[in-house]
Amino acid sequence: MFLEAWDLVGDDLEGCLYRGETAVRDNMFIPILIDGVLEDHYWSYSLIPVYDNGRIEGVYDAFRNMTATVVGAQRLRDSEARLKLATEVARLGVFVWDTSNDSGSWENDRMYEIFGRSREQGPFNGTEFLRDVVHPDYREQLLQSGERTVRNGEPLHFEGLICLPDTTTRRIEIKGNLQPGSSGSQGRILGTVRDVTEIRKTEEALYESNKHLGELAAIVDSSEDVILSKDLNGIVKSWNAAATRVFGYAPEEMIGQSILKLIPEHLHSDEKVIIENIKAGRRVEHFDTVRMTKDGRLIDVSLTISPIRDADGRIIGASKILRDISARKRIEQSLLQAEKIAATGRMAATIAHEINNPLEAVVNLLYLLRTFITEPEGINYLASAESELARVSHIAKQTLGYYRESASASSASLSSISEHAIAIYEPRCMAAGITTRKLFESERKVVMRRGEMMQVISNLIMNSIYAMPSGGTISISVSDTKVPSEGVVLTVADDGVGIAREVMPKVFDAFFTTRLTVGTGIGLFIAKQFVEGHGGRIDIESNTEAEKHGTTVRVFLPLRTAYEVSQS
């Protein structure tokens, strides 16, 4: 039996049986075969020779299976080793507190480190610990926690400040459980102590940091300015509410997308320059440029861009603050135009005064000349000269663009005024190879300032003449309309070169012109002011395509103009 164990116990058996040697073995590893499976077992045994008449007749064998005891002891040692390792890694102080005499009965080395004591001083007692170690503000809290543990068996938990022998303070955390004693004794508390000073400082700093980040996030989200971030590849990483409001893109439409999505194609090179500045650690401040919204509109913006650095100080991206300055640009442009208009107005008043004096002298001289001319042909020439002088005076006022009729408004036909304007410009059109077509289907009269409407029509005809340097056709018509309301529509159309689409939004701006050598750029601006002053509107269409080039301007006057309403 147990032949598999012979190699381990054979020497002891032979020594006892043949040589009378006694063998005692404790917790000896002897595997045995049970049900065909070799199992690890531990045995304690003793072998004693049995004598008869001085001769060894046998062996007395006393043995015991110690497997459970040995394995249990090994597990306990492993557990203690793991516990020791865990407490060392966690830097935990471990203690046993005897509740019967209110003092510590055992402490590990870490306990002495935490409390700044030497092992020679031994464990604390309760009175000494409360008086000398626990900060006064926390003594009552620890006392109550300990009483609840001893009386009610509640887990011990305390966190507070302690005072060390070097007068510094630390924050500790104590945790423990009551192990009841035998025969109704109070037992002992097994617990741990952890120095949480640095942990709590870190947690507090993290809390403040998160709070600060939360405040910054709230500020960013509620900012009226666009605030976004991007990496060094120009990929958008954050997008605030103002960005959505200004550009029309929701965060999910932009985060992860290239910033070039917002930049007009002809300005893509700007982004390369910006990224190079950011990589070099340079801040870009108040950079005025243009950006594009989701619906394709171009808006004027001012950018401030700063590098974003990681914890190691490396530049990993850029934060961008963008302000929509379109309104400011419009105001600046309006102010600039107003300044130009004011300056030109002052100059116009001076020029008009200087021109009127010699014109009046010439008119007076022609009046005196009438008595010396008796021939019919000469009289006709004189009348033409006076008419042309009147036209020169009108054209001078029209060209300056600041003539405002002082006479009150009166009822007049737009067809009649248009007919008169054509008569003035027809000779010039014929000289330029321009054919004039007219169609007057309206006899309606509306209350208007005749001189202002004469200037509007003259400006439109002159623009058409300038648009056809090689000749062409001008069509002028007046008709009744019911759209947008009862009124009269004047249409001036030409087959000239047309106006480019990109400049169409600017044609009514003061001082804007596409002509380099002629024109002041205020003709359409003044025309618009005069028409809208009557309560009407002016619209323009133009095409530059080779097969259908030309421009058409429509002026609508309501049947009851603003001047008729003001008179009633």
Protein backbone atom coordinates (compact mmCIF):
# COMPACT_ATOMS: atom_id res chain seq x y z
CA MET A 1 0.00 0.00 0.00
CA PHE A 2 1.19 3.55 -0.84
CA LEU A 3 4.04 2.17 -2.92
CA GLU A 4 4.30 5.58 -4.55
CA ALA A 5 5.55 6.96 -1.21
CA TRP A 6 8.36 4.38 -0.74
CA ASP A 7 11.06 6.64 -2.20
CA LEU A 8 10.25 9.23 0.47
CA VAL A 9 9.83 7.02 3.56
CA GLY A 10 11.79 3.86 2.61
CA ASP A 11 15.04 4.96 4.28
CA ASP A 12 13.26 5.68 7.60
CA LEU A 13 11.49 2.27 7.56
CA GLU A 14 14.65 0.30 6.76
CA GLY A 15 16.65 2.20 9.35
CA CYS A 16 14.03 1.44 12.02
CA LEU A 17 13.51 -2.25 11.07
CA TYR A 18 17.08 -3.26 10.45
CA ARG A 19 19.11 -0.90 12.57
CA GLY A 20 16.70 0.00 15.38
CA GLU A 21 16.70 3.73 14.51
CA THR A 22 13.72 5.80 15.65
CA ALA A 23 12.39 8.29 13.03
CA VAL A 24 10.16 11.31 13.75
CA ARG A 25 8.97 13.47 10.82
CA ASP A 26 6.62 16.52 10.95
CA ASN A 27 4.56 17.91 8.02
CA MET A 28 6.48 15.86 5.49
CA PHE A 29 5.37 16.19 1.84
CA ILE A 30 4.27 12.71 0.70
CA PRO A 31 2.03 12.51 -2.42
CA ILE A 32 -0.28 9.47 -2.47
CA LEU A 33 -2.40 7.84 -5.13
CA ILE A 34 -6.14 8.04 -4.42
CA ASP A 35 -8.62 6.65 -6.94
CA GLY A 36 -5.96 6.69 -9.60
CA VAL A 37 -5.06 10.37 -9.00
CA LEU A 38 -1.79 11.42 -7.38
CA GLU A 39 -2.61 14.02 -4.72
CA ASP A 40 -0.35 16.25 -2.65
CA HIS A 41 -0.50 15.44 1.07
CA TYR A 42 1.47 16.37 4.16
CA TRP A 43 2.10 13.79 6.94
CA SER A 44 3.55 13.72 10.44
CA TYR A 45 4.78 10.28 11.57
CA SER A 46 7.05 8.48 14.03
CA LEU A 47 8.69 5.05 13.58
CA ILE A 48 9.76 3.04 16.70
CA PRO A 49 11.39 -0.45 16.57
CA VAL A 50 9.54 -3.27 18.43
CA TYR A 51 11.89 -5.77 20.24
CA ASP A 52 11.30 -9.37 21.30
CA ASN A 53 14.08 -11.18 23.22
CA GLY A 54 16.51 -8.50 22.09
CA ARG A 55 15.66 -8.85 18.49
CA ILE A 56 13.74 -6.36 16.28
CA GLU A 57 10.52 -8.08 15.44
CA GLY A 58 8.59 -5.11 13.92
CA VAL A 59 7.99 -1.37 13.68
CA TYR A 60 5.49 0.76 15.56
CA ASP A 61 4.21 3.42 13.14
CA ALA A 62 2.18 6.41 14.40
CA PHE A 63 1.11 8.85 11.58
CA ARG A 64 -1.31 11.70 10.97
CA ASN A 65 -2.48 13.45 7.80
CA MET A 66 -1.54 17.16 8.28
CA THR A 67 -2.54 18.35 4.80
CA ALA A 68 -5.36 20.67 5.96
CA THR A 69 -3.18 22.21 8.68
CA VAL A 70 -0.18 22.78 6.42
CA VAL A 71 -2.23 24.15 3.52
CA GLY A 72 -4.18 26.42 5.89
CA ALA A 73 -0.92 27.74 7.38
CA GLN A 74 0.45 28.39 3.89
CA ARG A 75 -2.68 30.27 2.91
CA LEU A 76 -2.50 32.32 6.10
CA ARG A 77 1.12 33.21 5.38
CA ASP A 78 0.24 34.13 1.77
CA SER A 79 -2.65 36.22 2.98
CA GLU A 80 -0.48 37.97 5.51
CA ALA A 81 2.13 38.63 2.84
CA ARG A 82 -0.46 40.07 0.48
CA LEU A 83 -1.91 42.18 3.28
CA LYS A 84 1.52 43.45 4.17
CA LEU A 85 2.24 44.26 0.54
CA ALA A 86 -1.12 46.01 0.16
CA THR A 87 -0.63 48.11 3.27
CA GLU A 88 2.87 49.05 2.17
CA VAL A 89 1.72 50.00 -1.32
CA ALA A 90 -1.26 51.94 0.04
CA ARG A 91 0.98 53.31 2.81
CA LEU A 92 -1.57 52.22 5.38
CA GLY A 93 -0.93 52.20 9.09
CA VAL A 94 -2.43 49.07 10.72
CA PHE A 95 -3.35 48.89 14.38
CA VAL A 96 -5.10 46.77 16.98
CA TRP A 97 -6.93 48.77 19.66
CA ASP A 98 -7.80 47.12 22.95
CA THR A 99 -11.16 48.61 23.97
CA SER A 100 -11.01 47.20 27.51
CA ASN A 101 -8.07 49.40 28.53
CA ASP A 102 -8.49 52.01 25.74
CA SER A 103 -5.01 51.66 24.27
CA GLY A 104 -3.21 50.28 21.26
CA SER A 105 -1.90 46.74 21.60
CA TRP A 106 -0.10 46.50 18.25
CA GLU A 107 0.90 48.85 15.40
CA ASN A 108 2.88 48.39 12.23
CA ASP A 109 5.88 50.54 11.27
CA ARG A 110 3.80 52.84 9.06
CA MET A 111 1.77 53.93 12.12
CA TYR A 112 4.91 55.38 13.67
CA GLU A 113 5.79 57.16 10.42
CA ILE A 114 2.32 58.75 10.15
CA PHE A 115 2.35 60.08 13.70
CA GLY A 116 6.05 61.03 13.79
CA ARG A 117 6.90 58.68 16.66
CA SER A 118 9.54 56.03 17.31
CA ARG A 119 8.76 52.41 18.08
CA GLU A 120 10.42 52.85 21.50
CA GLN A 121 7.58 55.20 22.45
CA GLY A 122 5.11 52.37 21.94
CA PRO A 123 1.43 52.61 20.99
CA PHE A 124 -0.86 55.42 22.15
CA ASN A 125 -3.52 55.25 24.80
CA GLY A 126 -6.91 56.91 24.22
CA THR A 127 -6.46 59.90 26.52
CA GLU A 128 -3.00 60.69 25.20
CA PHE A 129 -4.13 60.35 21.57
CA LEU A 130 -7.06 62.75 21.97
CA ARG A 131 -5.10 65.28 24.02
CA ASP A 132 -1.78 65.39 22.19
CA VAL A 133 -2.49 64.26 18.61
CA VAL A 134 -6.03 65.01 17.47
CA HIS A 135 -6.67 68.65 16.53
CA PRO A 136 -9.06 70.30 19.03
CA ASP A 137 -11.66 70.91 16.30
CA TYR A 138 -11.95 67.15 15.66
CA ARG A 139 -11.68 65.59 19.13
CA GLU A 140 -15.43 65.37 19.78
CA GLN A 141 -16.03 63.87 16.34
CA LEU A 142 -13.48 61.07 16.94
CA LEU A 143 -14.77 60.41 20.45
CA GLN A 144 -18.38 60.00 19.23
CA SER A 145 -17.34 57.78 16.33
CA GLY A 146 -15.38 55.49 18.68
CA GLU A 147 -18.30 55.26 21.13
CA ARG A 148 -20.72 54.23 18.35
CA THR A 149 -18.30 51.48 17.30
CA VAL A 150 -17.85 50.10 20.83
CA ARG A 151 -21.52 50.36 21.87
CA ASN A 152 -23.34 49.56 18.63
CA GLY A 153 -20.74 47.69 16.61
CA GLU A 154 -20.83 50.29 13.84
CA PRO A 155 -17.80 50.47 11.55
CA LEU A 156 -15.29 53.07 12.75
CA HIS A 157 -14.76 55.96 10.35
CA PHE A 158 -13.08 59.25 11.11
CA GLU A 159 -11.35 61.92 9.05
CA GLY A 160 -9.73 64.99 10.52
CA LEU A 161 -6.59 66.89 11.38
CA ILE A 162 -3.78 65.76 13.67
CA CYS A 163 -0.92 67.72 15.19
CA LEU A 164 2.55 66.22 14.83
CA PRO A 165 5.49 66.68 17.20
CA ASP A 166 7.12 69.07 14.70
CA THR A 167 4.00 71.33 15.01
CA THR A 168 2.80 70.59 11.46
CA THR A 169 -0.72 69.40 10.82
CA ARG A 170 -1.80 66.50 8.63
CA ARG A 171 -5.15 65.07 7.62
CA ILE A 172 -5.72 61.39 8.39
CA GLU A 173 -8.47 58.86 7.75
CA ILE A 174 -9.17 56.08 10.27
CA LYS A 175 -11.24 53.00 9.40
CA GLY A 176 -11.84 49.93 11.52
CA ASN A 177 -14.21 47.23 12.72
CA LEU A 178 -14.97 45.86 16.18
CA GLN A 179 -13.92 42.27 16.89
CA PRO A 180 -16.05 41.18 19.91
CA GLY A 181 -14.20 39.54 22.79
CA SER A 182 -15.04 36.22 24.45
CA SER A 183 -17.26 35.89 27.51
CA GLY A 184 -18.94 39.26 26.84
CA SER A 185 -15.74 41.36 26.87
CA GLN A 186 -15.67 44.49 24.75
CA GLY A 187 -13.11 43.06 22.35
CA ARG A 188 -10.75 44.99 20.11
CA ILE A 189 -10.83 47.22 17.04
CA LEU A 190 -8.81 46.18 14.00
CA GLY A 191 -8.22 49.18 11.77
CA THR A 192 -6.12 51.20 9.40
CA VAL A 193 -4.85 54.77 9.31
CA ARG A 194 -4.11 56.62 6.07
CA ASP A 195 -2.45 60.01 5.62
CA VAL A 196 -4.81 61.71 3.14
CA THR A 197 -3.29 65.20 3.28
CA GLU A 198 -1.94 65.22 -0.27
CA ILE A 199 -4.94 63.31 -1.62
CA ARG A 200 -7.37 65.90 -0.24
CA LYS A 201 -5.21 68.75 -1.53
CA THR A 202 -5.22 67.15 -4.95
CA GLU A 203 -8.98 66.58 -4.79
CA GLU A 204 -9.55 70.18 -3.72
CA ALA A 205 -7.31 71.46 -6.50
CA LEU A 206 -9.14 69.22 -8.97
CA TYR A 207 -12.49 70.47 -7.69
CA GLU A 208 -11.40 74.09 -8.04
CA SER A 209 -9.98 73.34 -11.47
CA ASN A 210 -13.22 71.69 -12.58
CA LYS A 211 -15.19 74.56 -11.10
CA HIS A 212 -12.99 77.02 -12.95
CA LEU A 213 -13.31 75.01 -16.15
CA GLY A 214 -17.08 74.93 -15.67
CA GLU A 215 -17.14 78.70 -15.25
CA LEU A 216 -14.96 79.14 -18.32
CA ALA A 217 -17.22 76.77 -20.28
CA ALA A 218 -20.26 78.81 -19.22
CA ILE A 219 -18.53 82.03 -20.23
CA VAL A 220 -17.52 80.56 -23.58
CA ASP A 221 -21.01 79.22 -24.25
CA SER A 222 -22.74 82.49 -23.31
CA SER A 223 -20.22 84.72 -25.11
CA GLU A 224 -21.51 86.98 -27.87
CA ASP A 225 -18.26 86.31 -29.74
CA VAL A 226 -17.52 83.11 -31.63
CA ILE A 227 -15.06 81.00 -29.61
CA LEU A 228 -13.69 77.79 -31.08
CA SER A 229 -10.57 75.66 -30.96
CA LYS A 230 -8.72 73.67 -33.59
CA ASP A 231 -5.69 71.41 -33.77
CA LEU A 232 -2.54 72.10 -35.80
CA ASN A 233 -4.15 70.44 -38.82
CA GLY A 234 -6.98 72.96 -38.74
CA ILE A 235 -9.58 70.46 -37.48
CA VAL A 236 -12.26 72.07 -35.31
CA LYS A 237 -12.33 70.67 -31.75
CA SER A 238 -14.88 72.92 -30.02
CA TRP A 239 -17.72 75.18 -31.14
CA ASN A 240 -19.76 77.54 -28.96
CA ALA A 241 -23.35 78.79 -29.26
CA ALA A 242 -22.28 82.09 -30.81
CA ALA A 243 -20.52 80.16 -33.59
CA THR A 244 -23.79 78.44 -34.41
CA ARG A 245 -25.63 81.76 -34.39
CA VAL A 246 -23.10 83.55 -36.64
CA PHE A 247 -22.25 80.76 -39.11
CA GLY A 248 -25.42 78.65 -39.01
CA TYR A 249 -23.60 75.35 -38.38
CA ALA A 250 -24.57 73.16 -35.40
CA PRO A 251 -21.65 71.80 -33.29
CA GLU A 252 -22.02 68.31 -34.75
CA GLU A 253 -21.69 69.79 -38.25
CA MET A 254 -18.34 71.47 -37.51
CA ILE A 255 -16.52 69.52 -34.79
CA GLY A 256 -14.13 67.18 -36.59
CA GLN A 257 -14.33 69.23 -39.80
CA SER A 258 -11.67 71.45 -41.36
CA ILE A 259 -11.73 75.15 -40.48
CA LEU A 260 -11.40 75.76 -44.24
CA LYS A 261 -15.13 75.12 -44.39
CA LEU A 262 -15.58 78.68 -43.07
CA ILE A 263 -12.93 80.35 -45.22
CA PRO A 264 -13.62 81.53 -48.81
CA GLU A 265 -11.49 79.63 -51.28
CA HIS A 266 -9.47 82.68 -52.33
CA LEU A 267 -8.42 83.16 -48.67
CA HIS A 268 -7.34 79.56 -47.94
CA SER A 269 -3.71 80.67 -47.99
CA ASP A 270 -4.42 82.82 -44.89
CA GLU A 271 -4.96 79.69 -42.83
CA LYS A 272 -1.48 78.40 -43.67
CA VAL A 273 0.04 81.68 -42.46
CA ILE A 274 -2.05 81.57 -39.26
CA ILE A 275 -1.02 77.97 -38.48
CA GLU A 276 2.66 78.83 -39.04
CA ASN A 277 2.36 81.72 -36.55
CA ILE A 278 0.65 79.46 -34.01
CA LYS A 279 3.31 76.74 -34.36
CA ALA A 280 5.93 79.42 -33.71
CA GLY A 281 4.07 80.39 -30.53
CA ARG A 282 2.97 83.75 -31.89
CA ARG A 283 -0.44 85.22 -31.09
CA VAL A 284 -2.50 86.73 -33.92
CA GLU A 285 -4.52 89.73 -32.73
CA HIS A 286 -7.37 91.67 -34.34
CA PHE A 287 -6.87 90.22 -37.80
CA ASP A 288 -9.65 91.62 -40.02
CA THR A 289 -10.72 89.23 -42.77
CA VAL A 290 -13.77 87.61 -44.38
CA ARG A 291 -15.47 84.31 -43.51
CA MET A 292 -18.32 82.35 -45.12
CA THR A 293 -21.57 81.23 -43.45
CA LYS A 294 -23.49 78.03 -44.06
CA ASP A 295 -25.82 79.78 -46.54
CA GLY A 296 -22.85 81.16 -48.52
CA ARG A 297 -22.91 84.73 -47.21
CA LEU A 298 -19.58 86.49 -46.75
CA ILE A 299 -19.22 88.36 -43.46
CA ASP A 300 -16.51 90.71 -42.20
CA VAL A 301 -14.83 89.37 -39.04
CA SER A 302 -12.03 90.24 -36.65
CA LEU A 303 -9.91 87.32 -35.39
CA THR A 304 -7.75 86.88 -32.31
CA ILE A 305 -5.92 83.54 -32.29
CA SER A 306 -3.76 82.13 -29.48
CA PRO A 307 -1.67 78.94 -29.18
CA ILE A 308 -2.98 76.09 -26.97
CA ARG A 309 -0.30 74.21 -25.02
CA ASP A 310 -0.44 70.84 -23.26
CA ALA A 311 0.84 70.09 -19.74
CA ASP A 312 4.40 69.86 -21.09
CA GLY A 313 4.20 73.25 -22.80
CA ARG A 314 3.98 71.84 -26.31
CA ILE A 315 1.73 73.68 -28.76
CA ILE A 316 -1.09 71.34 -29.76
CA GLY A 317 -3.62 73.70 -31.31
CA ALA A 318 -5.15 77.15 -31.30
CA SER A 319 -8.06 78.95 -29.69
CA LYS A 320 -9.86 81.42 -31.89
CA ILE A 321 -12.08 84.33 -30.88
CA LEU A 322 -14.03 85.68 -33.83
CA ARG A 323 -16.20 88.78 -33.82
CA ASP A 324 -18.69 89.57 -36.58
CA ILE A 325 -17.83 93.16 -37.58
CA SER A 326 -20.14 93.35 -40.60
CA ALA A 327 -22.35 95.95 -38.91
CA ARG A 328 -19.31 97.98 -37.89
CA LYS A 329 -17.94 97.83 -41.44
CA ARG A 330 -21.28 98.98 -42.84
CA ILE A 331 -21.34 101.88 -40.37
CA GLU A 332 -17.75 102.79 -41.23
CA GLN A 333 -18.58 102.67 -44.93
CA SER A 334 -21.69 104.78 -44.37
CA LEU A 335 -19.69 107.33 -42.39
CA LEU A 336 -17.03 107.39 -45.08
CA GLN A 337 -19.66 107.94 -47.76
CA ALA A 338 -21.34 110.60 -45.63
CA GLU A 339 -18.01 112.40 -45.26
CA LYS A 340 -17.43 112.19 -49.01
CA ILE A 341 -20.94 113.41 -49.73
CA ALA A 342 -20.58 116.29 -47.26
CA ALA A 343 -17.22 117.31 -48.75
CA THR A 344 -18.55 117.02 -52.28
CA GLY A 345 -21.64 119.00 -51.29
CA ARG A 346 -19.52 121.84 -50.00
CA MET A 347 -17.46 121.77 -53.16
CA ALA A 348 -20.64 121.58 -55.28
CA ALA A 349 -22.09 124.66 -53.62
CA THR A 350 -18.91 126.61 -54.41
CA ILE A 351 -18.77 125.38 -58.02
CA ALA A 352 -22.48 126.06 -58.59
CA HIS A 353 -22.01 129.61 -57.34
CA GLU A 354 -19.01 130.15 -59.57
CA ILE A 355 -20.77 128.71 -62.65
CA ASN A 356 -24.04 130.56 -62.09
CA ASN A 357 -22.38 134.00 -62.15
CA PRO A 358 -20.95 133.72 -65.72
CA LEU A 359 -24.08 131.88 -66.90
CA GLU A 360 -26.27 134.75 -65.70
CA ALA A 361 -23.97 137.21 -67.44
CA VAL A 362 -24.23 135.29 -70.74
CA VAL A 363 -28.04 135.11 -70.42
CA ASN A 364 -28.20 138.86 -69.83
CA LEU A 365 -25.96 139.52 -72.82
CA LEU A 366 -28.19 137.34 -75.02
CA TYR A 367 -31.22 139.29 -73.78
CA LEU A 368 -29.56 142.56 -74.76
CA LEU A 369 -28.59 141.07 -78.12
CA ARG A 370 -32.27 140.42 -79.00
CA THR A 371 -32.79 144.08 -79.98
CA PHE A 372 -29.97 143.95 -82.52
CA ILE A 373 -31.14 140.78 -84.31
CA THR A 374 -34.14 141.11 -86.60
CA GLU A 375 -33.59 138.32 -89.10
CA PRO A 376 -35.85 135.27 -88.43
CA GLU A 377 -32.93 132.88 -88.80
CA GLY A 378 -30.88 134.87 -86.32
CA ILE A 379 -33.80 134.97 -83.88
CA ASN A 380 -34.06 131.15 -84.09
CA TYR A 381 -30.36 130.77 -83.38
CA LEU A 382 -30.68 133.09 -80.40
CA ALA A 383 -33.60 131.09 -79.02
CA SER A 384 -31.59 127.86 -79.40
CA ALA A 385 -28.64 129.46 -77.61
CA GLU A 386 -30.86 130.46 -74.68
CA SER A 387 -32.37 126.94 -74.56
CA GLU A 388 -28.93 125.34 -74.61
CA LEU A 389 -27.75 127.63 -71.83
CA ALA A 390 -30.73 126.52 -69.71
CA ARG A 391 -29.80 122.92 -70.48
CA VAL A 392 -26.17 123.59 -69.51
CA SER A 393 -27.35 124.96 -66.19
CA HIS A 394 -29.52 121.89 -65.61
CA ILE A 395 -26.77 119.46 -66.64
CA ALA A 396 -24.29 121.19 -64.33
CA LYS A 397 -26.64 120.76 -61.40
CA GLN A 398 -27.38 117.16 -62.44
CA THR A 399 -23.72 116.21 -62.85
CA LEU A 400 -22.87 117.53 -59.41
CA GLY A 401 -25.68 115.39 -58.09
CA TYR A 402 -26.70 117.69 -55.28
CA TYR A 403 -29.47 119.62 -56.93
CA ARG A 404 -32.56 119.41 -54.81
CA GLU A 405 -35.59 121.08 -56.28
CA SER A 406 -36.83 123.82 -54.01
CA ALA A 407 -40.16 124.22 -55.79
CA SER A 408 -43.13 122.38 -54.30
CA ALA A 409 -44.31 119.15 -55.90
CA SER A 410 -46.97 119.34 -58.58
CA SER A 411 -49.01 116.98 -60.71
CA ALA A 412 -47.07 115.90 -63.78
CA SER A 413 -46.89 113.11 -66.33
CA LEU A 414 -43.87 110.82 -66.23
CA SER A 415 -44.34 110.27 -69.96
CA SER A 416 -44.09 114.02 -70.63
CA ILE A 417 -40.90 114.39 -68.53
CA SER A 418 -39.35 111.37 -70.25
CA GLU A 419 -40.21 112.84 -73.66
CA HIS A 420 -38.43 116.07 -72.72
CA ALA A 421 -35.34 114.20 -71.44
CA ILE A 422 -35.11 112.21 -74.69
CA ALA A 423 -35.26 115.44 -76.68
CA ILE A 424 -32.25 116.75 -74.74
CA TYR A 425 -30.10 113.62 -75.16
CA GLU A 426 -31.22 112.49 -78.63
CA PRO A 427 -28.56 114.53 -80.49
CA ARG A 428 -25.83 112.97 -78.35
CA CYS A 429 -27.25 109.50 -78.94
CA MET A 430 -27.31 110.00 -82.68
CA ALA A 431 -23.69 111.18 -82.62
CA ALA A 432 -22.71 108.01 -80.70
CA GLY A 433 -24.57 105.69 -83.07
CA ILE A 434 -27.26 104.91 -80.52
CA THR A 435 -30.86 104.35 -81.59
CA THR A 436 -33.55 105.66 -79.27
CA ARG A 437 -36.84 103.80 -78.95
CA LYS A 438 -39.72 105.15 -76.91
CA LEU A 439 -43.13 103.87 -75.92
CA PHE A 440 -45.34 106.02 -73.71
CA GLU A 441 -48.55 104.18 -72.83
CA SER A 442 -49.40 106.10 -69.67
CA GLU A 443 -51.09 109.45 -69.40
CA ARG A 444 -51.38 109.29 -65.65
CA LYS A 445 -50.31 112.28 -63.69
CA VAL A 446 -48.85 111.94 -60.19
CA VAL A 447 -47.68 114.51 -57.69
CA MET A 448 -43.91 114.78 -58.01
CA ARG A 449 -40.98 117.12 -57.99
CA ARG A 450 -40.46 117.53 -61.70
CA GLY A 451 -36.81 118.57 -61.53
CA GLU A 452 -35.87 115.54 -59.39
CA MET A 453 -37.55 113.07 -61.73
CA MET A 454 -35.92 114.83 -64.71
CA GLN A 455 -32.56 114.24 -63.05
CA VAL A 456 -33.39 110.55 -62.40
CA ILE A 457 -34.27 109.97 -66.07
CA SER A 458 -31.21 111.93 -67.26
CA ASN A 459 -28.91 109.86 -65.04
CA LEU A 460 -30.34 106.59 -66.38
CA ILE A 461 -30.02 107.72 -70.01
CA MET A 462 -26.41 108.87 -69.44
CA ASN A 463 -25.52 105.52 -67.85
CA SER A 464 -26.92 103.72 -70.90
CA ILE A 465 -24.94 105.96 -73.27
CA TYR A 466 -21.70 105.24 -71.37
CA ALA A 467 -22.49 101.50 -71.50
CA MET A 468 -22.60 101.52 -75.33
CA PRO A 469 -19.34 103.09 -76.57
CA SER A 470 -19.75 101.33 -79.94
CA GLY A 471 -23.40 102.19 -80.38
CA GLY A 472 -26.57 100.28 -79.61
CA THR A 473 -30.18 100.82 -78.63
CA ILE A 474 -31.88 102.59 -75.72
CA SER A 475 -35.50 101.73 -75.06
CA ILE A 476 -37.50 104.08 -72.81
CA SER A 477 -41.11 103.30 -71.88
CA VAL A 478 -43.74 104.46 -69.41
CA SER A 479 -46.77 102.35 -68.55
CA ASP A 480 -49.46 101.98 -65.92
CA THR A 481 -49.14 99.15 -63.40
CA LYS A 482 -50.95 97.53 -60.50
CA VAL A 483 -47.83 95.82 -59.10
CA PRO A 484 -46.76 96.31 -56.37
CA SER A 485 -49.67 98.79 -56.22
CA GLU A 486 -51.47 101.25 -58.49
CA GLY A 487 -48.90 103.47 -60.11
CA VAL A 488 -46.61 104.20 -63.05
CA VAL A 489 -43.48 102.35 -64.22
CA LEU A 490 -40.62 103.94 -66.14
CA THR A 491 -38.33 101.42 -67.87
CA VAL A 492 -34.92 102.32 -69.33
CA ALA A 493 -33.21 99.40 -71.11
CA ASP A 494 -30.04 99.18 -73.16
CA ASP A 495 -28.00 96.48 -74.89
CA GLY A 496 -24.70 97.75 -73.49
CA VAL A 497 -21.88 95.78 -71.88
CA GLY A 498 -23.87 95.04 -68.71
CA ILE A 499 -22.85 95.04 -65.04
CA ALA A 500 -20.92 92.14 -63.50
CA ARG A 501 -22.89 90.06 -60.99
CA GLU A 502 -20.36 90.53 -58.17
CA VAL A 503 -20.71 94.34 -58.22
CA MET A 504 -24.51 94.48 -58.55
CA PRO A 505 -25.06 94.85 -54.76
CA LYS A 506 -22.94 98.03 -54.82
CA VAL A 507 -24.46 99.93 -57.79
CA PHE A 508 -26.59 102.18 -55.55
CA ASP A 509 -23.69 103.03 -53.21
CA ALA A 510 -22.40 106.56 -53.29
CA PHE A 511 -19.16 107.03 -55.30
CA PHE A 512 -19.23 103.49 -56.68
CA THR A 513 -18.55 103.33 -60.41
CA THR A 514 -17.31 100.73 -62.89
CA ARG A 515 -16.06 103.43 -65.26
CA LEU A 516 -12.44 104.50 -64.89
CA THR A 517 -12.44 107.77 -66.85
CA VAL A 518 -15.96 109.23 -66.59
CA GLY A 519 -18.66 109.47 -63.95
CA THR A 520 -18.70 110.44 -60.30
CA GLY A 521 -20.35 107.27 -58.96
CA ILE A 522 -23.28 109.15 -57.44
CA GLY A 523 -25.82 109.06 -60.29
CA LEU A 524 -27.69 105.94 -59.19
CA PHE A 525 -27.20 106.85 -55.54
CA ILE A 526 -28.99 110.18 -56.08
CA ALA A 527 -31.61 108.54 -58.31
CA LYS A 528 -32.44 106.08 -55.55
CA GLN A 529 -32.74 108.89 -52.97
CA PHE A 530 -35.09 110.86 -55.23
CA VAL A 531 -37.29 107.88 -56.16
CA GLU A 532 -37.60 106.63 -52.59
CA GLY A 533 -38.33 110.22 -51.50
CA HIS A 534 -41.47 109.98 -53.66
CA GLY A 535 -42.41 106.70 -51.96
CA GLY A 536 -41.36 104.67 -55.00
CA ARG A 537 -38.68 102.11 -55.71
CA ILE A 538 -35.95 101.54 -58.27
CA ASP A 539 -34.74 98.09 -59.42
CA ILE A 540 -31.96 97.04 -61.77
CA GLU A 541 -31.24 93.89 -63.78
CA SER A 542 -28.12 93.30 -65.84
CA ASN A 543 -26.39 90.61 -67.85
CA THR A 544 -22.85 90.41 -69.21
CA GLU A 545 -23.27 87.28 -71.35
CA ALA A 546 -22.30 87.77 -74.98
CA GLU A 547 -25.68 86.85 -76.47
CA LYS A 548 -27.94 88.80 -74.10
CA HIS A 549 -25.85 91.54 -72.54
CA GLY A 550 -27.48 94.74 -71.36
CA THR A 551 -29.09 96.51 -68.41
CA THR A 552 -32.70 97.28 -67.52
CA VAL A 553 -33.71 99.80 -64.82
CA ARG A 554 -37.31 100.10 -63.63
CA VAL A 555 -38.60 103.07 -61.62
CA PHE A 556 -41.97 102.67 -59.92
CA LEU A 557 -43.94 105.65 -58.61
CA PRO A 558 -47.17 105.03 -56.69
CA LEU A 559 -50.36 106.73 -57.85
CA ARG A 560 -50.31 108.63 -54.57
CA THR A 561 -46.71 109.64 -53.95
CA ALA A 562 -45.27 110.70 -50.61
CA TYR A 563 -45.54 114.36 -51.71
CA GLU A 564 -49.27 114.07 -52.46
CA VAL A 565 -49.81 112.43 -49.05
CA SER A 566 -47.87 115.23 -47.32
CA GLN A 567 -49.96 117.90 -49.11
CA SER A 568 -53.30 116.33 -48.18
